[in-house]
Amino acid sequence: MADVRTTSDDEWVVGGHRWTVTERADESRCYDIAWVSGPDPSYGFTLASSTRTPIDDAVIRREIVHVLGGVDPETGHLSRVRDVSS
């Protein structure tokens, strides 16, 4: 399992990589997650709750680990094709 820990409220270290997790001020329960230490500054994703309930830290961590699982170890970039059936 990936090394998962937070370094502050908005900067996390997951799997040895730095991420920022920012809740949007204008959209409650919508989080922008940026891969700070990744090979491409545009890498990131957004999580949102349709029920407007907070998204648990464990869910955010699980989604980050899922993204890291799609990284090609040879290039360090996200793979073009991923099996999302699991």
PDB file of N, CA and C in Angstrom:
ATOM      1  N   MET A   1       0.842  -1.181   0.000  1.00  0.00           N
ATOM      2  CA  MET A   1       0.000   0.000   0.000  1.00  0.00           C
ATOM      3  C   MET A   1       0.889   1.246   0.000  1.00  0.00           C
ATOM      4  N   ALA A   2       0.381   2.289  -0.603  1.00  0.00           N
ATOM      5  CA  ALA A   2       1.139   3.537  -0.707  1.00  0.00           C
ATOM      6  C   ALA A   2       1.308   4.194   0.657  1.00  0.00           C
ATOM      7  N   ASP A   3       2.426   4.895   0.803  1.00  0.00           N
ATOM      8  CA  ASP A   3       2.671   5.686   2.000  1.00  0.00           C
ATOM      9  C   ASP A   3       1.729   6.886   1.942  1.00  0.00           C
ATOM     10  N   VAL A   4       0.795   6.949   2.877  1.00  0.00           N
ATOM     11  CA  VAL A   4      -0.218   7.998   2.838  1.00  0.00           C
ATOM     12  C   VAL A   4      -0.178   8.770   4.151  1.00  0.00           C
ATOM     13  N   ARG A   5       0.093  10.077   4.036  1.00  0.00           N
ATOM     14  CA  ARG A   5       0.074  10.911   5.232  1.00  0.00           C
ATOM     15  C   ARG A   5      -0.100  12.366   4.811  1.00  0.00           C
ATOM     16  N   THR A   6      -0.608  13.173   5.699  1.00  0.00           N
ATOM     17  CA  THR A   6      -0.760  14.585   5.378  1.00  0.00           C
ATOM     18  C   THR A   6       0.373  15.360   6.033  1.00  0.00           C
ATOM     19  N   THR A   7       0.804  16.443   5.383  1.00  0.00           N
ATOM     20  CA  THR A   7       1.827  17.309   5.952  1.00  0.00           C
ATOM     21  C   THR A   7       1.222  18.591   6.499  1.00  0.00           C
ATOM     22  N   SER A   8       0.024  18.919   6.045  1.00  0.00           N
ATOM     23  CA  SER A   8      -0.725  20.068   6.555  1.00  0.00           C
ATOM     24  C   SER A   8      -2.151  19.892   6.091  1.00  0.00           C
ATOM     25  N   ASP A   9      -2.999  20.886   6.339  1.00  0.00           N
ATOM     26  CA  ASP A   9      -4.395  20.767   5.939  1.00  0.00           C
ATOM     27  C   ASP A   9      -4.577  20.663   4.436  1.00  0.00           C
ATOM     28  N   ASP A  10      -3.689  21.305   3.650  1.00  0.00           N
ATOM     29  CA  ASP A  10      -3.900  21.288   2.209  1.00  0.00           C
ATOM     30  C   ASP A  10      -2.762  20.663   1.415  1.00  0.00           C
ATOM     31  N   GLU A  11      -1.646  20.347   2.030  1.00  0.00           N
ATOM     32  CA  GLU A  11      -0.572  19.655   1.314  1.00  0.00           C
ATOM     33  C   GLU A  11      -0.435  18.251   1.886  1.00  0.00           C
ATOM     34  N   TRP A  12      -0.501  17.271   0.994  1.00  0.00           N
ATOM     35  CA  TRP A  12      -0.458  15.868   1.383  1.00  0.00           C
ATOM     36  C   TRP A  12       0.710  15.191   0.696  1.00  0.00           C
ATOM     37  N   VAL A  13       1.213  14.133   1.307  1.00  0.00           N
ATOM     38  CA  VAL A  13       2.194  13.266   0.661  1.00  0.00           C
ATOM     39  C   VAL A  13       1.545  11.892   0.563  1.00  0.00           C
ATOM     40  N   VAL A  14       1.415  11.423  -0.675  1.00  0.00           N
ATOM     41  CA  VAL A  14       0.784  10.120  -0.927  1.00  0.00           C
ATOM     42  C   VAL A  14       1.688   9.356  -1.883  1.00  0.00           C
ATOM     43  N   GLY A  15       2.097   8.171  -1.477  1.00  0.00           N
ATOM     44  CA  GLY A  15       2.965   7.364  -2.334  1.00  0.00           C
ATOM     45  C   GLY A  15       4.282   8.046  -2.644  1.00  0.00           C
ATOM     46  N   GLY A  16       4.739   8.903  -1.732  1.00  0.00           N
ATOM     47  CA  GLY A  16       5.992   9.618  -1.941  1.00  0.00           C
ATOM     48  C   GLY A  16       5.866  10.840  -2.837  1.00  0.00           C
ATOM     49  N   HIS A  17       4.648  11.180  -3.241  1.00  0.00           N
ATOM     50  CA  HIS A  17       4.411  12.332  -4.112  1.00  0.00           C
ATOM     51  C   HIS A  17       3.631  13.407  -3.357  1.00  0.00           C
ATOM     52  N   ARG A  18       3.949  14.671  -3.681  1.00  0.00           N
ATOM     53  CA  ARG A  18       3.263  15.799  -3.033  1.00  0.00           C
ATOM     54  C   ARG A  18       2.020  16.207  -3.820  1.00  0.00           C
ATOM     55  N   TRP A  19       0.948  16.456  -3.095  1.00  0.00           N
ATOM     56  CA  TRP A  19      -0.337  16.858  -3.656  1.00  0.00           C
ATOM     57  C   TRP A  19      -0.888  18.029  -2.851  1.00  0.00           C
ATOM     58  N   THR A  20      -1.656  18.894  -3.490  1.00  0.00           N
ATOM     59  CA  THR A  20      -2.428  19.887  -2.745  1.00  0.00           C
ATOM     60  C   THR A  20      -3.902  19.539  -2.916  1.00  0.00           C
ATOM     61  N   VAL A  21      -4.640  19.696  -1.838  1.00  0.00           N
ATOM     62  CA  VAL A  21      -6.074  19.446  -1.832  1.00  0.00           C
ATOM     63  C   VAL A  21      -6.736  20.738  -1.382  1.00  0.00           C
ATOM     64  N   THR A  22      -7.512  21.336  -2.284  1.00  0.00           N
ATOM     65  CA  THR A  22      -8.115  22.634  -2.014  1.00  0.00           C
ATOM     66  C   THR A  22      -9.622  22.558  -2.216  1.00  0.00           C
ATOM     67  N   GLU A  23     -10.367  22.923  -1.174  1.00  0.00           N
ATOM     68  CA  GLU A  23     -11.812  22.995  -1.323  1.00  0.00           C
ATOM     69  C   GLU A  23     -12.159  24.324  -1.991  1.00  0.00           C
ATOM     70  N   ARG A  24     -12.974  24.271  -3.025  1.00  0.00           N
ATOM     71  CA  ARG A  24     -13.357  25.494  -3.738  1.00  0.00           C
ATOM     72  C   ARG A  24     -14.209  26.386  -2.835  1.00  0.00           C
ATOM     73  N   ALA A  25     -13.869  27.648  -2.787  1.00  0.00           N
ATOM     74  CA  ALA A  25     -14.592  28.599  -1.942  1.00  0.00           C
ATOM     75  C   ALA A  25     -16.022  28.800  -2.428  1.00  0.00           C
ATOM     76  N   ASP A  26     -16.217  28.762  -3.745  1.00  0.00           N
ATOM     77  CA  ASP A  26     -17.545  29.027  -4.302  1.00  0.00           C
ATOM     78  C   ASP A  26     -18.395  27.773  -4.497  1.00  0.00           C
ATOM     79  N   GLU A  27     -17.818  26.610  -4.250  1.00  0.00           N
ATOM     80  CA  GLU A  27     -18.544  25.348  -4.416  1.00  0.00           C
ATOM     81  C   GLU A  27     -18.232  24.430  -3.245  1.00  0.00           C
ATOM     82  N   SER A  28     -19.050  24.497  -2.236  1.00  0.00           N
ATOM     83  CA  SER A  28     -18.851  23.672  -1.058  1.00  0.00           C
ATOM     84  C   SER A  28     -18.816  22.196  -1.438  1.00  0.00           C
ATOM     85  N   ARG A  29     -17.895  21.483  -0.841  1.00  0.00           N
ATOM     86  CA  ARG A  29     -17.711  20.039  -1.029  1.00  0.00           C
ATOM     87  C   ARG A  29     -17.199  19.687  -2.421  1.00  0.00           C
ATOM     88  N   CYS A  30     -16.470  20.606  -3.032  1.00  0.00           N
ATOM     89  CA  CYS A  30     -15.829  20.357  -4.311  1.00  0.00           C
ATOM     90  C   CYS A  30     -14.337  20.610  -4.106  1.00  0.00           C
ATOM     91  N   TYR A  31     -13.513  19.611  -4.394  1.00  0.00           N
ATOM     92  CA  TYR A  31     -12.093  19.669  -4.078  1.00  0.00           C
ATOM     93  C   TYR A  31     -11.243  19.550  -5.348  1.00  0.00           C
ATOM     94  N   ASP A  32     -10.311  20.460  -5.513  1.00  0.00           N
ATOM     95  CA  ASP A  32      -9.332  20.393  -6.593  1.00  0.00           C
ATOM     96  C   ASP A  32      -8.070  19.768  -6.029  1.00  0.00           C
ATOM     97  N   ILE A  33      -7.573  18.730  -6.688  1.00  0.00           N
ATOM     98  CA  ILE A  33      -6.416  17.969  -6.208  1.00  0.00           C
ATOM     99  C   ILE A  33      -5.327  18.060  -7.269  1.00  0.00           C
ATOM    100  N   ALA A  34      -4.209  18.673  -6.922  1.00  0.00           N
ATOM    101  CA  ALA A  34      -3.119  18.908  -7.865  1.00  0.00           C
ATOM    102  C   ALA A  34      -1.895  18.094  -7.466  1.00  0.00           C
ATOM    103  N   TRP A  35      -1.254  17.484  -8.462  1.00  0.00           N
ATOM    104  CA  TRP A  35      -0.048  16.686  -8.256  1.00  0.00           C
ATOM    105  C   TRP A  35       1.143  17.627  -8.333  1.00  0.00           C
ATOM    106  N   VAL A  36       1.562  18.144  -7.214  1.00  0.00           N
ATOM    107  CA  VAL A  36       2.612  19.165  -7.130  1.00  0.00           C
ATOM    108  C   VAL A  36       3.967  18.631  -7.590  1.00  0.00           C
ATOM    109  N   SER A  37       4.287  17.403  -7.232  1.00  0.00           N
ATOM    110  CA  SER A  37       5.605  16.855  -7.556  1.00  0.00           C
ATOM    111  C   SER A  37       5.581  15.994  -8.816  1.00  0.00           C
ATOM    112  N   GLY A  38       4.486  16.006  -9.548  1.00  0.00           N
ATOM    113  CA  GLY A  38       4.371  15.188 -10.750  1.00  0.00           C
ATOM    114  C   GLY A  38       5.163  15.755 -11.916  1.00  0.00           C
ATOM    115  N   PRO A  39       5.274  14.982 -12.998  1.00  0.00           N
ATOM    116  CA  PRO A  39       6.080  15.386 -14.145  1.00  0.00           C
ATOM    117  C   PRO A  39       5.439  16.485 -14.988  1.00  0.00           C
ATOM    118  N   ASP A  40       4.140  16.716 -14.801  1.00  0.00           N
ATOM    119  CA  ASP A  40       3.425  17.696 -15.610  1.00  0.00           C
ATOM    120  C   ASP A  40       2.618  18.588 -14.670  1.00  0.00           C
ATOM    121  N   PRO A  41       2.857  19.906 -14.694  1.00  0.00           N
ATOM    122  CA  PRO A  41       2.156  20.802 -13.770  1.00  0.00           C
ATOM    123  C   PRO A  41       0.640  20.845 -13.972  1.00  0.00           C
ATOM    124  N   SER A  42       0.160  20.310 -15.089  1.00  0.00           N
ATOM    125  CA  SER A  42      -1.287  20.325 -15.325  1.00  0.00           C
ATOM    126  C   SER A  42      -1.999  19.105 -14.747  1.00  0.00           C
ATOM    127  N   TYR A  43      -1.245  18.126 -14.213  1.00  0.00           N
ATOM    128  CA  TYR A  43      -1.878  16.925 -13.679  1.00  0.00           C
ATOM    129  C   TYR A  43      -2.647  17.242 -12.405  1.00  0.00           C
ATOM    130  N   GLY A  44      -3.869  16.760 -12.360  1.00  0.00           N
ATOM    131  CA  GLY A  44      -4.719  16.910 -11.199  1.00  0.00           C
ATOM    132  C   GLY A  44      -6.118  16.433 -11.544  1.00  0.00           C
ATOM    133  N   PHE A  45      -6.997  16.524 -10.579  1.00  0.00           N
ATOM    134  CA  PHE A  45      -8.375  16.114 -10.808  1.00  0.00           C
ATOM    135  C   PHE A  45      -9.254  16.786  -9.768  1.00  0.00           C
ATOM    136  N   THR A  46     -10.563  16.650  -9.938  1.00  0.00           N
ATOM    137  CA  THR A  46     -11.531  17.268  -9.044  1.00  0.00           C
ATOM    138  C   THR A  46     -12.446  16.196  -8.487  1.00  0.00           C
ATOM    139  N   LEU A  47     -12.742  16.294  -7.210  1.00  0.00           N
ATOM    140  CA  LEU A  47     -13.735  15.425  -6.563  1.00  0.00           C
ATOM    141  C   LEU A  47     -14.851  16.323  -6.038  1.00  0.00           C
ATOM    142  N   ALA A  48     -16.076  15.865  -6.177  1.00  0.00           N
ATOM    143  CA  ALA A  48     -17.207  16.635  -5.671  1.00  0.00           C
ATOM    144  C   ALA A  48     -18.239  15.692  -5.080  1.00  0.00           C
ATOM    145  N   SER A  49     -18.986  16.201  -4.139  1.00  0.00           N
ATOM    146  CA  SER A  49     -20.050  15.431  -3.505  1.00  0.00           C
ATOM    147  C   SER A  49     -21.392  15.957  -3.999  1.00  0.00           C
ATOM    148  N   SER A  50     -22.180  15.085  -4.605  1.00  0.00           N
ATOM    149  CA  SER A  50     -23.494  15.506  -5.089  1.00  0.00           C
ATOM    150  C   SER A  50     -24.479  15.708  -3.950  1.00  0.00           C
ATOM    151  N   THR A  51     -24.162  15.147  -2.792  1.00  0.00           N
ATOM    152  CA  THR A  51     -25.059  15.286  -1.641  1.00  0.00           C
ATOM    153  C   THR A  51     -24.672  16.472  -0.764  1.00  0.00           C
ATOM    154  N   ARG A  52     -23.615  17.161  -1.155  1.00  0.00           N
ATOM    155  CA  ARG A  52     -23.110  18.328  -0.413  1.00  0.00           C
ATOM    156  C   ARG A  52     -22.578  17.953   0.962  1.00  0.00           C
ATOM    157  N   THR A  53     -22.290  16.665   1.167  1.00  0.00           N
ATOM    158  CA  THR A  53     -21.668  16.248   2.417  1.00  0.00           C
ATOM    159  C   THR A  53     -20.157  16.239   2.219  1.00  0.00           C
ATOM    160  N   PRO A  54     -19.406  16.431   3.280  1.00  0.00           N
ATOM    161  CA  PRO A  54     -17.944  16.432   3.146  1.00  0.00           C
ATOM    162  C   PRO A  54     -17.432  15.105   2.602  1.00  0.00           C
ATOM    163  N   ILE A  55     -16.367  15.183   1.801  1.00  0.00           N
ATOM    164  CA  ILE A  55     -15.708  13.976   1.317  1.00  0.00           C
ATOM    165  C   ILE A  55     -14.629  13.612   2.329  1.00  0.00           C
ATOM    166  N   ASP A  56     -14.700  12.403   2.823  1.00  0.00           N
ATOM    167  CA  ASP A  56     -13.779  11.919   3.845  1.00  0.00           C
ATOM    168  C   ASP A  56     -12.346  11.887   3.307  1.00  0.00           C
ATOM    169  N   ASP A  57     -11.379  12.187   4.170  1.00  0.00           N
ATOM    170  CA  ASP A  57      -9.965  12.142   3.781  1.00  0.00           C
ATOM    171  C   ASP A  57      -9.583  10.792   3.180  1.00  0.00           C
ATOM    172  N   ALA A  58     -10.140   9.717   3.714  1.00  0.00           N
ATOM    173  CA  ALA A  58      -9.813   8.380   3.206  1.00  0.00           C
ATOM    174  C   ALA A  58     -10.244   8.234   1.744  1.00  0.00           C
ATOM    175  N   VAL A  59     -11.353   8.845   1.362  1.00  0.00           N
ATOM    176  CA  VAL A  59     -11.821   8.783  -0.023  1.00  0.00           C
ATOM    177  C   VAL A  59     -10.867   9.561  -0.921  1.00  0.00           C
ATOM    178  N   ILE A  60     -10.454  10.736  -0.477  1.00  0.00           N
ATOM    179  CA  ILE A  60      -9.513  11.541  -1.256  1.00  0.00           C
ATOM    180  C   ILE A  60      -8.208  10.779  -1.421  1.00  0.00           C
ATOM    181  N   ARG A  61      -7.691  10.196  -0.362  1.00  0.00           N
ATOM    182  CA  ARG A  61      -6.453   9.416  -0.438  1.00  0.00           C
ATOM    183  C   ARG A  61      -6.587   8.248  -1.402  1.00  0.00           C
ATOM    184  N   ARG A  62      -7.719   7.545  -1.321  1.00  0.00           N
ATOM    185  CA  ARG A  62      -7.949   6.392  -2.205  1.00  0.00           C
ATOM    186  C   ARG A  62      -7.937   6.838  -3.669  1.00  0.00           C
ATOM    187  N   GLU A  63      -8.533   7.964  -3.971  1.00  0.00           N
ATOM    188  CA  GLU A  63      -8.566   8.453  -5.355  1.00  0.00           C
ATOM    189  C   GLU A  63      -7.169   8.864  -5.833  1.00  0.00           C
ATOM    190  N   ILE A  64      -6.373   9.456  -4.945  1.00  0.00           N
ATOM    191  CA  ILE A  64      -4.995   9.803  -5.304  1.00  0.00           C
ATOM    192  C   ILE A  64      -4.202   8.533  -5.598  1.00  0.00           C
ATOM    193  N   VAL A  65      -4.344   7.525  -4.758  1.00  0.00           N
ATOM    194  CA  VAL A  65      -3.648   6.249  -4.975  1.00  0.00           C
ATOM    195  C   VAL A  65      -4.096   5.642  -6.304  1.00  0.00           C
ATOM    196  N   HIS A  66      -5.367   5.766  -6.626  1.00  0.00           N
ATOM    197  CA  HIS A  66      -5.883   5.256  -7.895  1.00  0.00           C
ATOM    198  C   HIS A  66      -5.215   5.966  -9.077  1.00  0.00           C
ATOM    199  N   VAL A  67      -5.083   7.273  -8.993  1.00  0.00           N
ATOM    200  CA  VAL A  67      -4.408   8.029 -10.061  1.00  0.00           C
ATOM    201  C   VAL A  67      -2.954   7.575 -10.179  1.00  0.00           C
ATOM    202  N   LEU A  68      -2.270   7.452  -9.048  1.00  0.00           N
ATOM    203  CA  LEU A  68      -0.875   7.016  -9.089  1.00  0.00           C
ATOM    204  C   LEU A  68      -0.738   5.626  -9.707  1.00  0.00           C
ATOM    205  N   GLY A  69      -1.761   4.796  -9.544  1.00  0.00           N
ATOM    206  CA  GLY A  69      -1.744   3.462 -10.132  1.00  0.00           C
ATOM    207  C   GLY A  69      -1.751   3.488 -11.655  1.00  0.00           C
ATOM    208  N   GLY A  70      -2.133   4.619 -12.226  1.00  0.00           N
ATOM    209  CA  GLY A  70      -2.158   4.753 -13.671  1.00  0.00           C
ATOM    210  C   GLY A  70      -0.912   5.369 -14.263  1.00  0.00           C
ATOM    211  N   VAL A  71       0.105   5.575 -13.437  1.00  0.00           N
ATOM    212  CA  VAL A  71       1.346   6.179 -13.909  1.00  0.00           C
ATOM    213  C   VAL A  71       2.245   5.113 -14.528  1.00  0.00           C
ATOM    214  N   ASP A  72       2.738   5.393 -15.715  1.00  0.00           N
ATOM    215  CA  ASP A  72       3.673   4.499 -16.391  1.00  0.00           C
ATOM    216  C   ASP A  72       5.025   4.619 -15.694  1.00  0.00           C
ATOM    217  N   PRO A  73       5.543   3.551 -15.092  1.00  0.00           N
ATOM    218  CA  PRO A  73       6.802   3.645 -14.355  1.00  0.00           C
ATOM    219  C   PRO A  73       8.006   4.009 -15.227  1.00  0.00           C
ATOM    220  N   GLU A  74       7.907   3.748 -16.532  1.00  0.00           N
ATOM    221  CA  GLU A  74       9.023   4.076 -17.426  1.00  0.00           C
ATOM    222  C   GLU A  74       9.083   5.560 -17.766  1.00  0.00           C
ATOM    223  N   THR A  75       7.919   6.191 -17.869  1.00  0.00           N
ATOM    224  CA  THR A  75       7.890   7.604 -18.279  1.00  0.00           C
ATOM    225  C   THR A  75       7.588   8.557 -17.135  1.00  0.00           C
ATOM    226  N   GLY A  76       6.929   8.053 -16.092  1.00  0.00           N
ATOM    227  CA  GLY A  76       6.506   8.918 -14.998  1.00  0.00           C
ATOM    228  C   GLY A  76       5.245   9.691 -15.322  1.00  0.00           C
ATOM    229  N   HIS A  77       4.680   9.455 -16.485  1.00  0.00           N
ATOM    230  CA  HIS A  77       3.450  10.133 -16.903  1.00  0.00           C
ATOM    231  C   HIS A  77       2.274   9.173 -16.817  1.00  0.00           C
ATOM    232  N   LEU A  78       1.080   9.719 -16.812  1.00  0.00           N
ATOM    233  CA  LEU A  78      -0.101   8.889 -16.809  1.00  0.00           C
ATOM    234  C   LEU A  78      -0.162   8.072 -18.090  1.00  0.00           C
ATOM    235  N   SER A  79      -0.560   6.805 -17.955  1.00  0.00           N
ATOM    236  CA  SER A  79      -0.711   5.936 -19.119  1.00  0.00           C
ATOM    237  C   SER A  79      -1.892   6.403 -19.955  1.00  0.00           C
ATOM    238  N   ARG A  80      -1.803   6.179 -21.248  1.00  0.00           N
ATOM    239  CA  ARG A  80      -2.903   6.573 -22.137  1.00  0.00           C
ATOM    240  C   ARG A  80      -4.100   5.635 -21.979  1.00  0.00           C
ATOM    241  N   VAL A  81      -3.841   4.363 -21.764  1.00  0.00           N
ATOM    242  CA  VAL A  81      -4.912   3.384 -21.658  1.00  0.00           C
ATOM    243  C   VAL A  81      -4.832   2.745 -20.276  1.00  0.00           C
ATOM    244  N   ARG A  82      -5.975   2.726 -19.589  1.00  0.00           N
ATOM    245  CA  ARG A  82      -6.020   2.128 -18.258  1.00  0.00           C
ATOM    246  C   ARG A  82      -7.201   1.196 -18.165  1.00  0.00           C
ATOM    247  N   ASP A  83      -7.051   0.121 -17.440  1.00  0.00           N
ATOM    248  CA  ASP A  83      -8.155  -0.782 -17.148  1.00  0.00           C
ATOM    249  C   ASP A  83      -8.847  -0.238 -15.917  1.00  0.00           C
ATOM    250  N   VAL A  84     -10.046   0.289 -16.078  1.00  0.00           N
ATOM    251  CA  VAL A  84     -10.776   0.863 -14.955  1.00  0.00           C
ATOM    252  C   VAL A  84     -11.826  -0.095 -14.423  1.00  0.00           C
ATOM    253  N   SER A  85     -11.750  -1.357 -14.822  1.00  0.00           N
ATOM    254  CA  SER A  85     -12.738  -2.333 -14.392  1.00  0.00           C
ATOM    255  C   SER A  85     -12.513  -2.814 -12.967  1.00  0.00           C
ATOM    256  N   SER A  86     -11.338  -2.577 -12.418  1.00  0.00           N
ATOM    257  CA  SER A  86     -11.076  -3.086 -11.059  1.00  0.00           C
ATOM    258  C   SER A  86     -11.446  -2.067 -10.019  1.00  0.00           C
TER     259      SER A  86
END
